[in-house]
Amino acid sequence: MGAQQAMNARHGDDPQMTDEQRRLMRLVLEGRSRKEIAAHLNLSIITVRTYLSVLYGLFRVSTRPELIVRCIKEERVLDSNAR
C-alpha cells in the first residue's frame, strides 16, 4: 500500500482495497493466524502485522474481531469485483 493510500485512510476517505489487501483479508476471515497468513503469502510475520495495521486504519477499527465484523458488514472482500 502506498503512502498516499495510507494518508487517505487516516483522513477518513474510502480508498479501494488492493488485491493484496483483499487476499490477506480473506485469510483473516478464514481465521488464520498471522504466522499462517505469512506462510501462505510468503511474507514475514512483521509484514503481515504491518498490513493488518493498515487494514485497521482503512476500516477505522483497532482489533481483529472489529475488522472482521466491519469487513462483513460492508461486504468488502466477499466478492473479488467488490470495492
C-alpha atoms as a PDB file:
ATOM      1  CA  MET A   1       0.000   0.000   0.000  1.00  0.00           C
ATOM      2  CA  GLY A   2       1.330   3.391  -0.947  1.00  0.00           C
ATOM      3  CA  ALA A   3       1.856   6.308   1.387  1.00  0.00           C
ATOM      4  CA  GLN A   4      -0.969   8.275  -0.246  1.00  0.00           C
ATOM      5  CA  GLN A   5      -3.472   5.455   0.352  1.00  0.00           C
ATOM      6  CA  ALA A   6      -2.390   5.247   3.975  1.00  0.00           C
ATOM      7  CA  MET A   7      -2.829   9.005   4.301  1.00  0.00           C
ATOM      8  CA  ASN A   8      -6.298   8.818   2.744  1.00  0.00           C
ATOM      9  CA  ALA A   9      -7.276   6.113   5.220  1.00  0.00           C
ATOM     10  CA  ARG A  10      -6.191   8.290   8.129  1.00  0.00           C
ATOM     11  CA  HIS A  11      -8.229  11.190   6.816  1.00  0.00           C
ATOM     12  CA  GLY A  12     -11.451   9.208   6.525  1.00  0.00           C
ATOM     13  CA  ASP A  13     -11.593   8.698   2.754  1.00  0.00           C
ATOM     14  CA  ASP A  14     -12.722   5.306   1.463  1.00  0.00           C
ATOM     15  CA  PRO A  15      -9.936   4.068  -0.805  1.00  0.00           C
ATOM     16  CA  GLN A  16     -10.304   0.798  -2.639  1.00  0.00           C
ATOM     17  CA  MET A  17      -8.589  -2.214  -1.153  1.00  0.00           C
ATOM     18  CA  THR A  18      -5.708  -3.564  -3.171  1.00  0.00           C
ATOM     19  CA  ASP A  19      -5.717  -7.167  -4.392  1.00  0.00           C
ATOM     20  CA  GLU A  20      -3.016  -7.940  -1.831  1.00  0.00           C
ATOM     21  CA  GLN A  21      -5.105  -6.470   0.993  1.00  0.00           C
ATOM     22  CA  ARG A  22      -8.106  -8.445  -0.243  1.00  0.00           C
ATOM     23  CA  ARG A  23      -6.079 -11.709  -0.214  1.00  0.00           C
ATOM     24  CA  LEU A  24      -4.856 -11.001   3.295  1.00  0.00           C
ATOM     25  CA  MET A  25      -8.362 -10.134   4.476  1.00  0.00           C
ATOM     26  CA  ARG A  26      -9.757 -13.388   3.068  1.00  0.00           C
ATOM     27  CA  LEU A  27      -7.222 -15.298   5.164  1.00  0.00           C
ATOM     28  CA  VAL A  28      -8.186 -13.269   8.242  1.00  0.00           C
ATOM     29  CA  LEU A  29     -11.838 -14.127   7.575  1.00  0.00           C
ATOM     30  CA  GLU A  30     -10.851 -17.813   7.422  1.00  0.00           C
ATOM     31  CA  GLY A  31      -9.484 -17.439  10.956  1.00  0.00           C
ATOM     32  CA  ARG A  32      -5.836 -17.826  10.036  1.00  0.00           C
ATOM     33  CA  SER A  33      -3.141 -16.596  12.419  1.00  0.00           C
ATOM     34  CA  ARG A  34      -0.506 -14.044  11.424  1.00  0.00           C
ATOM     35  CA  LYS A  35       2.005 -16.880  11.179  1.00  0.00           C
ATOM     36  CA  GLU A  36      -0.280 -18.885   8.861  1.00  0.00           C
ATOM     37  CA  ILE A  37      -1.001 -15.813   6.742  1.00  0.00           C
ATOM     38  CA  ALA A  38       2.708 -15.060   6.469  1.00  0.00           C
ATOM     39  CA  ALA A  39       3.469 -18.607   5.326  1.00  0.00           C
ATOM     40  CA  HIS A  40       0.582 -18.629   2.849  1.00  0.00           C
ATOM     41  CA  LEU A  41       1.547 -15.282   1.277  1.00  0.00           C
ATOM     42  CA  ASN A  42       5.324 -15.782   1.573  1.00  0.00           C
ATOM     43  CA  LEU A  43       5.685 -12.726   3.789  1.00  0.00           C
ATOM     44  CA  SER A  44       7.325 -12.124   7.151  1.00  0.00           C
ATOM     45  CA  ILE A  45       5.120 -12.042  10.224  1.00  0.00           C
ATOM     46  CA  ILE A  46       6.152  -8.414  10.756  1.00  0.00           C
ATOM     47  CA  THR A  47       4.978  -7.543   7.246  1.00  0.00           C
ATOM     48  CA  VAL A  48       1.636  -9.218   7.915  1.00  0.00           C
ATOM     49  CA  ARG A  49       1.328  -7.256  11.157  1.00  0.00           C
ATOM     50  CA  THR A  50       2.041  -4.037   9.277  1.00  0.00           C
ATOM     51  CA  TYR A  51      -0.509  -4.861   6.575  1.00  0.00           C
ATOM     52  CA  LEU A  52      -3.101  -5.642   9.250  1.00  0.00           C
ATOM     53  CA  SER A  53      -2.410  -2.286  10.883  1.00  0.00           C
ATOM     54  CA  VAL A  54      -3.072  -0.584   7.551  1.00  0.00           C
ATOM     55  CA  LEU A  55      -6.351  -2.510   7.216  1.00  0.00           C
ATOM     56  CA  TYR A  56      -7.314  -1.452  10.742  1.00  0.00           C
ATOM     57  CA  GLY A  57      -6.852   2.132   9.570  1.00  0.00           C
ATOM     58  CA  LEU A  58      -8.858   1.603   6.387  1.00  0.00           C
ATOM     59  CA  PHE A  59     -11.763   0.157   8.332  1.00  0.00           C
ATOM     60  CA  ARG A  60     -11.320   2.521  11.292  1.00  0.00           C
ATOM     61  CA  VAL A  61     -11.044  -0.301  13.847  1.00  0.00           C
ATOM     62  CA  SER A  62      -8.456  -1.310  16.412  1.00  0.00           C
ATOM     63  CA  THR A  63      -8.875  -5.085  16.789  1.00  0.00           C
ATOM     64  CA  ARG A  64      -9.073  -8.118  14.530  1.00  0.00           C
ATOM     65  CA  PRO A  65     -12.642  -9.006  15.580  1.00  0.00           C
ATOM     66  CA  GLU A  66     -13.759  -5.443  14.787  1.00  0.00           C
ATOM     67  CA  LEU A  67     -12.014  -5.701  11.419  1.00  0.00           C
ATOM     68  CA  ILE A  68     -13.841  -8.935  10.607  1.00  0.00           C
ATOM     69  CA  VAL A  69     -17.227  -7.548  11.623  1.00  0.00           C
ATOM     70  CA  ARG A  70     -16.717  -4.319   9.665  1.00  0.00           C
ATOM     71  CA  CYS A  71     -15.492  -6.190   6.604  1.00  0.00           C
ATOM     72  CA  ILE A  72     -18.516  -8.474   6.602  1.00  0.00           C
ATOM     73  CA  LYS A  73     -20.898  -5.617   7.379  1.00  0.00           C
ATOM     74  CA  GLU A  74     -19.578  -3.547   4.481  1.00  0.00           C
ATOM     75  CA  GLU A  75     -19.440  -6.641   2.247  1.00  0.00           C
ATOM     76  CA  ARG A  76     -15.831  -5.900   1.383  1.00  0.00           C
ATOM     77  CA  VAL A  77     -13.601  -8.732   0.103  1.00  0.00           C
ATOM     78  CA  LEU A  78     -16.538 -11.115  -0.219  1.00  0.00           C
ATOM     79  CA  ASP A  79     -16.699 -10.510  -3.962  1.00  0.00           C
ATOM     80  CA  SER A  80     -13.455 -10.237  -5.905  1.00  0.00           C
ATOM     81  CA  ASN A  81     -15.025  -7.460  -8.001  1.00  0.00           C
ATOM     82  CA  ALA A  82     -16.247  -5.567  -4.937  1.00  0.00           C
ATOM     83  CA  ARG A  83     -14.537  -2.449  -3.700  1.00  0.00           C
END
